[in-house]
């Protein structure tokens, strides 16, 4: 069993009230997956596999590959040689250092230039901080290395934004594709 308190970052367990927010995010991600007819998803930073569970409920023809930096949560040791047409990173890239997120995006762009990315970026704003307090989730952004503006700036260096969806003024979901430049 994983001792979540000993990890250098937070892995969200959906509780009742926070579950409403996180399930809304997952539903919006699911809608994008269906709309764009993605068939093989890499859930990058899968945590407790909430996305896979949602997809299994409604669609059997979509394959989800779960990858996490916590080996006990990951289905695979590495994602580098896997085939997938969409990568989902749900409030995960903020755990990266700038140079590491740049390296990841360069690698993905070179290896999979037609890949689509669904990236959720928490705004980490005043409203988010109120939610952390009310829900007693003081470790919500534990391990954060990038603020939302830095994260988006790095993503936009390599990608074009195809779609942006706001979720309760707490986070934004981006559908991205790699741009031709760089």
Protein backbone atom coordinates (compact mmCIF):
# COMPACT_ATOMS: atom_id res chain seq x y z
CA UNK A 1 0.00 0.00 0.00
CA UNK A 2 1.21 3.49 -0.86
CA UNK A 3 1.71 5.93 2.00
CA UNK A 4 0.47 9.12 0.34
CA UNK A 5 1.84 11.32 3.11
CA UNK A 6 5.41 10.25 2.36
CA UNK A 7 5.27 11.22 -1.31
CA UNK A 8 6.94 14.51 -2.30
CA UNK A 9 3.72 15.57 -4.11
CA UNK A 10 -0.02 15.13 -3.74
CA UNK A 11 -2.07 12.42 -5.43
CA UNK A 12 -5.74 13.31 -5.29
CA UNK A 13 -8.21 10.87 -3.80
CA UNK A 14 -11.65 11.99 -4.88
CA UNK A 15 -13.83 12.59 -1.86
CA UNK A 16 -17.45 13.70 -1.88
CA UNK A 17 -17.17 17.47 -2.46
CA UNK A 18 -13.80 17.43 -4.23
CA UNK A 19 -15.12 14.49 -6.23
CA UNK A 20 -17.76 16.74 -7.79
CA UNK A 21 -15.03 19.05 -9.12
CA UNK A 22 -12.68 16.29 -10.26
CA UNK A 23 -15.49 14.26 -11.84
CA UNK A 24 -16.54 17.37 -13.79
CA UNK A 25 -12.99 17.65 -15.13
CA UNK A 26 -12.97 13.95 -16.05
CA UNK A 27 -16.34 14.26 -17.81
CA UNK A 28 -15.04 17.17 -19.90
CA UNK A 29 -11.88 15.21 -20.79
CA UNK A 30 -14.07 12.23 -21.72
CA UNK A 31 -16.23 14.47 -23.96
CA UNK A 32 -13.11 15.67 -25.82
CA UNK A 33 -11.92 12.07 -26.26
CA UNK A 34 -15.30 11.08 -27.73
CA UNK A 35 -15.62 14.19 -29.92
CA UNK A 36 -12.17 13.69 -31.48
CA UNK A 37 -12.53 9.89 -31.58
CA UNK A 38 -9.26 9.09 -29.84
CA UNK A 39 -8.76 5.34 -29.55
CA UNK A 40 -5.61 4.93 -27.47
CA UNK A 41 -5.02 7.25 -24.53
CA UNK A 42 -1.91 7.58 -22.38
CA UNK A 43 -3.08 8.82 -18.98
CA UNK A 44 0.16 10.51 -18.00
CA UNK A 45 0.10 10.89 -14.23
CA UNK A 46 -2.85 8.51 -13.92
CA UNK A 47 -2.94 8.46 -10.12
CA UNK A 48 -5.76 6.19 -9.04
CA UNK A 49 -6.97 5.59 -12.63
CA UNK A 50 -10.16 7.62 -12.44
CA UNK A 51 -10.07 8.38 -16.18
CA UNK A 52 -9.78 4.72 -17.12
CA UNK A 53 -12.67 3.83 -14.81
CA UNK A 54 -14.90 6.49 -16.38
CA UNK A 55 -14.04 5.41 -19.93
CA UNK A 56 -14.64 1.73 -19.14
CA UNK A 57 -18.16 2.60 -17.93
CA UNK A 58 -19.21 4.09 -21.26
CA UNK A 59 -16.80 3.05 -24.02
CA UNK A 60 -15.18 -0.35 -24.48
CA UNK A 61 -13.40 0.52 -27.72
CA UNK A 62 -11.06 3.08 -26.14
CA UNK A 63 -7.81 1.78 -24.65
CA UNK A 64 -6.29 3.64 -21.70
CA UNK A 65 -2.66 3.09 -20.78
CA UNK A 66 -1.93 4.24 -17.23
CA UNK A 67 1.46 5.79 -16.49
CA UNK A 68 2.51 7.38 -13.23
CA UNK A 69 5.80 8.27 -11.59
CA UNK A 70 4.66 6.19 -8.62
CA UNK A 71 5.47 2.66 -9.83
CA UNK A 72 2.65 1.06 -7.81
CA UNK A 73 0.10 3.15 -9.71
CA UNK A 74 1.60 2.69 -13.16
CA UNK A 75 0.58 -0.01 -15.59
CA UNK A 76 3.84 0.33 -17.55
CA UNK A 77 7.45 1.10 -16.63
CA UNK A 78 7.91 3.51 -19.53
CA UNK A 79 5.71 5.26 -22.05
CA UNK A 80 8.48 5.96 -24.56
CA UNK A 81 7.85 3.10 -27.00
CA UNK A 82 4.09 2.86 -26.62
CA UNK A 83 1.56 3.70 -29.32
CA UNK A 84 -1.15 6.20 -28.42
CA UNK A 85 -2.97 8.99 -30.22
CA UNK A 86 -3.74 11.18 -27.21
CA UNK A 87 -1.88 12.01 -24.02
CA UNK A 88 -3.89 13.22 -21.02
CA UNK A 89 -2.05 15.10 -18.26
CA UNK A 90 -4.58 16.08 -15.63
CA UNK A 91 -2.98 18.57 -13.22
CA UNK A 92 0.34 16.76 -13.50
CA UNK A 93 2.80 18.88 -15.46
CA UNK A 94 3.14 21.36 -12.59
CA UNK A 95 5.31 18.71 -10.89
CA UNK A 96 7.93 19.05 -13.66
CA UNK A 97 10.93 21.33 -13.68
CA UNK A 98 10.99 23.67 -16.70
CA UNK A 99 13.82 21.78 -18.39
CA UNK A 100 12.12 18.41 -17.86
CA UNK A 101 8.79 19.53 -19.33
CA UNK A 102 10.66 20.99 -22.30
CA UNK A 103 12.53 17.68 -22.77
CA UNK A 104 9.29 15.69 -22.59
CA UNK A 105 7.57 17.87 -25.18
CA UNK A 106 10.58 17.79 -27.52
CA UNK A 107 10.66 13.98 -27.23
CA UNK A 108 6.93 13.61 -27.86
CA UNK A 109 6.93 16.04 -30.77
CA UNK A 110 9.81 14.21 -32.44
CA UNK A 111 8.44 10.71 -31.78
CA UNK A 112 4.71 11.48 -32.28
CA UNK A 113 4.23 14.70 -34.28
CA UNK A 114 0.49 14.02 -34.78
CA UNK A 115 -0.18 13.41 -31.10
CA UNK A 116 -2.93 15.37 -29.39
CA UNK A 117 -2.56 16.42 -25.77
CA UNK A 118 -5.32 17.10 -23.27
CA UNK A 119 -3.74 19.06 -20.45
CA UNK A 120 -5.52 20.28 -17.34
CA UNK A 121 -3.88 23.22 -15.61
CA UNK A 122 -5.05 24.23 -12.16
CA UNK A 123 -5.17 28.00 -11.82
CA UNK A 124 -3.76 27.77 -8.27
CA UNK A 125 -5.66 30.99 -7.59
CA UNK A 126 -7.39 32.58 -4.63
CA UNK A 127 -10.48 30.42 -5.32
CA UNK A 128 -8.35 27.26 -5.38
CA UNK A 129 -6.81 28.27 -2.04
CA UNK A 130 -10.26 28.78 -0.52
CA UNK A 131 -11.18 25.28 -1.73
CA UNK A 132 -8.00 23.83 -0.21
CA UNK A 133 -8.93 25.41 3.11
CA UNK A 134 -12.60 24.36 3.08
CA UNK A 135 -11.77 20.79 2.03
CA UNK A 136 -8.79 20.56 4.39
CA UNK A 137 -6.48 19.71 1.47
CA UNK A 138 -3.46 21.73 2.59
CA UNK A 139 -1.14 19.53 0.48
CA UNK A 140 -3.06 20.06 -2.77
CA UNK A 141 -0.08 21.61 -4.59
CA UNK A 142 2.68 19.83 -2.70
CA UNK A 143 5.72 19.40 -4.95
CA UNK A 144 4.71 22.14 -7.41
CA UNK A 145 7.61 23.27 -9.58
CA UNK A 146 5.74 25.26 -12.25
CA UNK A 147 3.06 27.86 -11.79
CA UNK A 148 0.15 27.84 -14.27
CA UNK A 149 1.60 30.66 -16.39
CA UNK A 150 4.98 28.91 -16.73
CA UNK A 151 3.29 25.62 -17.59
CA UNK A 152 1.17 27.20 -20.32
CA UNK A 153 4.10 29.19 -21.71
CA UNK A 154 6.16 26.00 -22.13
CA UNK A 155 3.23 24.15 -23.73
CA UNK A 156 2.63 27.02 -26.17
CA UNK A 157 6.29 26.96 -27.18
CA UNK A 158 5.66 23.56 -28.83
CA UNK A 159 1.89 23.37 -29.27
CA UNK A 160 -1.12 25.14 -30.69
CA UNK A 161 -4.26 25.41 -28.58
CA UNK A 162 -7.20 23.80 -30.38
CA UNK A 163 -9.68 24.15 -27.55
CA UNK A 164 -9.82 25.65 -24.05
CA UNK A 165 -12.47 24.80 -21.47
CA UNK A 166 -12.76 26.54 -18.12
CA UNK A 167 -13.86 24.44 -15.15
CA UNK A 168 -15.52 26.47 -12.38
CA UNK A 169 -12.82 29.16 -12.59
CA UNK A 170 -10.50 26.67 -10.85
CA UNK A 171 -8.76 25.04 -13.78
CA UNK A 172 -8.53 25.06 -17.57
CA UNK A 173 -8.54 22.10 -19.93
CA UNK A 174 -6.53 22.51 -23.12
CA UNK A 175 -6.63 20.39 -26.24
CA UNK A 176 -3.29 20.87 -27.96
CA UNK A 177 -1.46 19.73 -31.05
CA UNK A 178 2.19 20.14 -31.90
CA UNK A 179 2.97 23.11 -34.11
CA UNK A 180 5.25 22.96 -37.14
CA UNK A 181 7.83 25.40 -35.78
CA UNK A 182 10.67 24.36 -33.38
